[in-house]
Amino acid sequence: MTEEYYEFLLANGYALVRQIGVTHWAAIYRFGFTHAIILGEIGDRAGYADRWCYHTVNDAARALLAWDGKGEPEGWHRHPPSGRRRPEGLAELEYILP
């Protein structure tokens, strides 16, 4: 990831930006009622590839720092792209809104 792109992400509200593999980045972003881990493709300035919501910024930061970029991060309560929800962040309680 170039320094210019990294600065672009910071200027647009992303925090704790990390490069994931060769082609992606992940960071924390604050939404109206949640904080989320955002996964994006390096160089993309128009959107992001995936999003997992957390109740607090601390929960999101812990999950991001522990995540190796494979599968999904742990502990999220809402995955907007799929409609999945995980009460208390537990995979065994996952359900999908109809």
N, C-alpha and C. Protein backbone atom coordinates (compact mmCIF):
# COMPACT_ATOMS: atom_id res chain seq x y z
N MET A 1 0.86 -1.17 0.00
CA MET A 1 0.00 0.00 0.00
C MET A 1 0.91 1.23 0.00
N THR A 2 0.59 2.18 -0.83
CA THR A 2 1.41 3.39 -0.89
C THR A 2 1.09 4.30 0.30
N GLU A 3 2.01 5.15 0.61
CA GLU A 3 1.80 6.14 1.68
C GLU A 3 0.63 7.06 1.33
N GLU A 4 0.52 7.41 0.05
CA GLU A 4 -0.57 8.28 -0.40
C GLU A 4 -1.94 7.63 -0.15
N TYR A 5 -2.06 6.35 -0.47
CA TYR A 5 -3.33 5.66 -0.25
C TYR A 5 -3.63 5.50 1.24
N TYR A 6 -2.60 5.20 2.02
CA TYR A 6 -2.74 5.11 3.47
C TYR A 6 -3.26 6.44 4.03
N GLU A 7 -2.69 7.54 3.60
CA GLU A 7 -3.13 8.87 4.04
C GLU A 7 -4.56 9.16 3.58
N PHE A 8 -4.92 8.71 2.40
CA PHE A 8 -6.29 8.85 1.90
C PHE A 8 -7.27 8.16 2.85
N LEU A 9 -6.94 6.94 3.27
CA LEU A 9 -7.82 6.21 4.20
C LEU A 9 -7.95 6.94 5.53
N LEU A 10 -6.85 7.40 6.08
CA LEU A 10 -6.89 8.14 7.35
C LEU A 10 -7.72 9.41 7.21
N ALA A 11 -7.54 10.13 6.12
CA ALA A 11 -8.27 11.38 5.89
C ALA A 11 -9.77 11.16 5.74
N ASN A 12 -10.16 9.93 5.40
CA ASN A 12 -11.57 9.61 5.22
C ASN A 12 -12.18 8.87 6.41
N GLY A 13 -11.52 8.96 7.55
CA GLY A 13 -12.10 8.46 8.79
C GLY A 13 -11.75 7.06 9.19
N TYR A 14 -10.92 6.38 8.44
CA TYR A 14 -10.52 5.02 8.82
C TYR A 14 -9.41 5.09 9.86
N ALA A 15 -9.45 4.16 10.80
CA ALA A 15 -8.44 4.13 11.87
C ALA A 15 -7.85 2.72 11.97
N LEU A 16 -6.69 2.63 12.53
CA LEU A 16 -6.00 1.35 12.74
C LEU A 16 -5.87 0.58 11.42
N VAL A 17 -5.48 1.30 10.38
CA VAL A 17 -5.38 0.72 9.04
C VAL A 17 -4.24 -0.29 8.98
N ARG A 18 -4.56 -1.49 8.47
CA ARG A 18 -3.57 -2.56 8.30
C ARG A 18 -3.66 -3.11 6.88
N GLN A 19 -2.53 -3.49 6.35
CA GLN A 19 -2.55 -4.18 5.07
C GLN A 19 -2.85 -5.65 5.35
N ILE A 20 -3.74 -6.24 4.54
CA ILE A 20 -4.11 -7.65 4.65
C ILE A 20 -3.66 -8.32 3.35
N GLY A 21 -2.66 -9.15 3.44
CA GLY A 21 -2.12 -9.79 2.25
C GLY A 21 -1.52 -8.77 1.30
N VAL A 22 -1.54 -9.08 0.04
CA VAL A 22 -0.93 -8.22 -0.98
C VAL A 22 -1.93 -7.21 -1.54
N THR A 23 -3.21 -7.57 -1.56
CA THR A 23 -4.18 -6.77 -2.30
C THR A 23 -5.22 -6.04 -1.47
N HIS A 24 -5.28 -6.27 -0.16
CA HIS A 24 -6.35 -5.70 0.65
C HIS A 24 -5.85 -4.95 1.88
N TRP A 25 -6.74 -4.17 2.43
CA TRP A 25 -6.49 -3.47 3.69
C TRP A 25 -7.71 -3.68 4.57
N ALA A 26 -7.52 -3.50 5.87
CA ALA A 26 -8.62 -3.55 6.83
C ALA A 26 -8.42 -2.41 7.82
N ALA A 27 -9.52 -1.88 8.33
CA ALA A 27 -9.45 -0.75 9.26
C ALA A 27 -10.75 -0.67 10.05
N ILE A 28 -10.75 0.21 11.04
CA ILE A 28 -11.94 0.49 11.83
C ILE A 28 -12.60 1.76 11.28
N TYR A 29 -13.93 1.73 11.19
CA TYR A 29 -14.68 2.90 10.75
C TYR A 29 -15.89 3.08 11.65
N ARG A 30 -16.17 4.31 12.03
CA ARG A 30 -17.31 4.60 12.89
C ARG A 30 -18.54 4.91 12.05
N PHE A 31 -19.61 4.18 12.31
CA PHE A 31 -20.90 4.44 11.69
C PHE A 31 -21.80 5.07 12.74
N GLY A 32 -23.04 5.34 12.43
CA GLY A 32 -23.96 6.01 13.34
C GLY A 32 -24.13 5.31 14.67
N PHE A 33 -24.28 4.00 14.67
CA PHE A 33 -24.56 3.28 15.90
C PHE A 33 -23.56 2.17 16.21
N THR A 34 -22.59 1.96 15.34
CA THR A 34 -21.60 0.90 15.54
C THR A 34 -20.23 1.36 15.08
N HIS A 35 -19.26 0.54 15.39
CA HIS A 35 -17.94 0.64 14.79
C HIS A 35 -17.77 -0.64 13.99
N ALA A 36 -17.09 -0.56 12.88
CA ALA A 36 -16.98 -1.74 12.02
C ALA A 36 -15.55 -1.97 11.57
N ILE A 37 -15.26 -3.23 11.32
CA ILE A 37 -14.05 -3.58 10.58
C ILE A 37 -14.46 -3.55 9.11
N ILE A 38 -13.73 -2.77 8.35
CA ILE A 38 -13.96 -2.64 6.92
C ILE A 38 -12.81 -3.33 6.20
N LEU A 39 -13.12 -4.11 5.20
CA LEU A 39 -12.13 -4.75 4.35
C LEU A 39 -12.25 -4.14 2.96
N GLY A 40 -11.15 -3.67 2.42
CA GLY A 40 -11.19 -3.05 1.10
C GLY A 40 -10.02 -3.48 0.24
N GLU A 41 -10.14 -3.23 -1.04
CA GLU A 41 -9.06 -3.52 -1.97
C GLU A 41 -8.15 -2.30 -2.06
N ILE A 42 -6.87 -2.52 -1.97
CA ILE A 42 -5.91 -1.43 -2.05
C ILE A 42 -6.09 -0.69 -3.37
N GLY A 43 -6.21 0.62 -3.28
CA GLY A 43 -6.37 1.47 -4.45
C GLY A 43 -7.80 1.86 -4.74
N ASP A 44 -8.76 1.11 -4.21
CA ASP A 44 -10.18 1.42 -4.45
C ASP A 44 -10.57 2.64 -3.63
N ARG A 45 -11.04 3.67 -4.29
CA ARG A 45 -11.44 4.90 -3.60
C ARG A 45 -12.96 5.09 -3.63
N ALA A 46 -13.70 4.07 -4.06
CA ALA A 46 -15.14 4.23 -4.22
C ALA A 46 -15.97 3.37 -3.27
N GLY A 47 -15.37 2.41 -2.59
CA GLY A 47 -16.17 1.54 -1.74
C GLY A 47 -15.30 0.58 -0.97
N TYR A 48 -15.94 -0.48 -0.48
CA TYR A 48 -15.19 -1.50 0.25
C TYR A 48 -15.77 -2.87 -0.06
N ALA A 49 -15.03 -3.91 0.28
CA ALA A 49 -15.41 -5.28 -0.07
C ALA A 49 -16.28 -5.95 0.98
N ASP A 50 -16.06 -5.63 2.26
CA ASP A 50 -16.82 -6.31 3.31
C ASP A 50 -16.84 -5.46 4.58
N ARG A 51 -17.77 -5.85 5.49
CA ARG A 51 -17.95 -5.05 6.71
C ARG A 51 -18.53 -5.93 7.82
N TRP A 52 -17.96 -5.80 9.02
CA TRP A 52 -18.44 -6.50 10.21
C TRP A 52 -18.61 -5.47 11.31
N CYS A 53 -19.79 -5.41 11.93
CA CYS A 53 -20.11 -4.40 12.93
C CYS A 53 -19.89 -4.91 14.36
N TYR A 54 -19.44 -3.98 15.21
CA TYR A 54 -19.18 -4.25 16.63
C TYR A 54 -19.87 -3.18 17.46
N HIS A 55 -20.17 -3.52 18.71
CA HIS A 55 -20.83 -2.56 19.59
C HIS A 55 -19.91 -1.41 19.99
N THR A 56 -18.61 -1.68 20.17
CA THR A 56 -17.69 -0.64 20.61
C THR A 56 -16.44 -0.61 19.73
N VAL A 57 -15.76 0.51 19.75
CA VAL A 57 -14.50 0.64 19.03
C VAL A 57 -13.45 -0.30 19.61
N ASN A 58 -13.47 -0.50 20.92
CA ASN A 58 -12.50 -1.41 21.54
C ASN A 58 -12.71 -2.85 21.08
N ASP A 59 -13.97 -3.28 20.98
CA ASP A 59 -14.26 -4.63 20.48
C ASP A 59 -13.76 -4.78 19.05
N ALA A 60 -14.02 -3.79 18.22
CA ALA A 60 -13.58 -3.83 16.82
C ALA A 60 -12.06 -3.83 16.72
N ALA A 61 -11.40 -3.01 17.51
CA ALA A 61 -9.94 -2.93 17.47
C ALA A 61 -9.30 -4.25 17.91
N ARG A 62 -9.81 -4.84 18.99
CA ARG A 62 -9.28 -6.13 19.45
C ARG A 62 -9.43 -7.19 18.36
N ALA A 63 -10.60 -7.22 17.73
CA ALA A 63 -10.84 -8.21 16.68
C ALA A 63 -9.94 -7.97 15.47
N LEU A 64 -9.77 -6.73 15.08
CA LEU A 64 -8.92 -6.42 13.94
C LEU A 64 -7.47 -6.82 14.21
N LEU A 65 -6.98 -6.50 15.38
CA LEU A 65 -5.58 -6.82 15.70
C LEU A 65 -5.35 -8.33 15.80
N ALA A 66 -6.38 -9.08 16.16
CA ALA A 66 -6.25 -10.54 16.28
C ALA A 66 -6.47 -11.27 14.96
N TRP A 67 -7.09 -10.59 14.00
CA TRP A 67 -7.47 -11.23 12.73
C TRP A 67 -6.29 -11.32 11.79
N ASP A 68 -6.09 -12.51 11.20
CA ASP A 68 -4.99 -12.70 10.25
C ASP A 68 -5.43 -12.48 8.80
N GLY A 69 -6.69 -12.07 8.61
CA GLY A 69 -7.19 -11.81 7.26
C GLY A 69 -7.83 -13.02 6.60
N LYS A 70 -7.77 -14.17 7.26
CA LYS A 70 -8.40 -15.38 6.72
C LYS A 70 -9.77 -15.54 7.35
N GLY A 71 -10.73 -16.00 6.58
CA GLY A 71 -12.08 -16.16 7.11
C GLY A 71 -12.66 -14.82 7.50
N GLU A 72 -13.25 -14.78 8.69
CA GLU A 72 -13.84 -13.55 9.20
C GLU A 72 -13.23 -13.21 10.55
N PRO A 73 -13.25 -11.94 10.91
CA PRO A 73 -12.81 -11.59 12.26
C PRO A 73 -13.80 -12.14 13.28
N GLU A 74 -13.40 -12.24 14.52
CA GLU A 74 -14.24 -12.78 15.59
C GLU A 74 -15.02 -11.68 16.30
N GLY A 75 -16.12 -12.06 16.93
CA GLY A 75 -16.82 -11.20 17.87
C GLY A 75 -17.79 -10.18 17.32
N TRP A 76 -18.04 -10.15 16.02
CA TRP A 76 -18.96 -9.16 15.45
C TRP A 76 -20.39 -9.54 15.77
N HIS A 77 -21.27 -8.54 15.73
CA HIS A 77 -22.67 -8.80 16.00
C HIS A 77 -23.56 -8.65 14.77
N ARG A 78 -23.03 -8.02 13.71
CA ARG A 78 -23.85 -7.79 12.51
C ARG A 78 -22.95 -7.78 11.28
N HIS A 79 -23.39 -8.48 10.24
CA HIS A 79 -22.69 -8.51 8.96
C HIS A 79 -23.67 -8.01 7.89
N PRO A 80 -23.69 -6.69 7.64
CA PRO A 80 -24.69 -6.11 6.73
C PRO A 80 -24.77 -6.74 5.34
N PRO A 81 -23.65 -7.10 4.69
CA PRO A 81 -23.79 -7.64 3.34
C PRO A 81 -24.62 -8.93 3.27
N SER A 82 -24.59 -9.75 4.32
CA SER A 82 -25.30 -11.03 4.28
C SER A 82 -26.58 -11.04 5.12
N GLY A 83 -26.76 -10.05 5.99
CA GLY A 83 -27.91 -10.03 6.89
C GLY A 83 -27.72 -10.89 8.12
N ARG A 84 -26.54 -11.47 8.27
CA ARG A 84 -26.29 -12.33 9.44
C ARG A 84 -26.10 -11.50 10.70
N ARG A 85 -26.54 -12.07 11.80
CA ARG A 85 -26.36 -11.45 13.12
C ARG A 85 -25.85 -12.50 14.08
N ARG A 86 -25.03 -12.04 15.02
CA ARG A 86 -24.48 -12.93 16.04
C ARG A 86 -24.66 -12.28 17.41
N PRO A 87 -25.73 -12.61 18.10
CA PRO A 87 -25.90 -12.07 19.45
C PRO A 87 -24.67 -12.37 20.30
N GLU A 88 -24.23 -11.37 21.02
CA GLU A 88 -23.06 -11.47 21.89
C GLU A 88 -21.79 -11.84 21.12
N GLY A 89 -21.82 -11.70 19.79
CA GLY A 89 -20.65 -12.00 18.97
C GLY A 89 -20.34 -13.47 18.83
N LEU A 90 -21.30 -14.34 19.17
CA LEU A 90 -21.06 -15.78 19.19
C LEU A 90 -21.55 -16.46 17.91
N ALA A 91 -20.63 -17.16 17.25
CA ALA A 91 -20.96 -17.83 15.99
C ALA A 91 -22.07 -18.86 16.17
N GLU A 92 -22.12 -19.52 17.31
CA GLU A 92 -23.14 -20.55 17.53
C GLU A 92 -24.55 -19.98 17.67
N LEU A 93 -24.67 -18.66 17.87
CA LEU A 93 -25.98 -18.02 17.97
C LEU A 93 -26.39 -17.30 16.68
N GLU A 94 -25.58 -17.49 15.62
CA GLU A 94 -25.83 -16.76 14.37
C GLU A 94 -27.18 -17.09 13.76
N TYR A 95 -27.80 -16.04 13.23
CA TYR A 95 -29.04 -16.20 12.48
C TYR A 95 -29.05 -15.15 11.37
N ILE A 96 -29.97 -15.35 10.42
CA ILE A 96 -30.11 -14.42 9.29
C ILE A 96 -31.51 -13.83 9.36
N LEU A 97 -31.58 -12.51 9.22
CA LEU A 97 -32.88 -11.86 9.20
C LEU A 97 -33.64 -12.29 7.94
N PRO A 98 -34.93 -12.57 8.07
CA PRO A 98 -35.72 -12.97 6.90
C PRO A 98 -35.91 -11.82 5.92
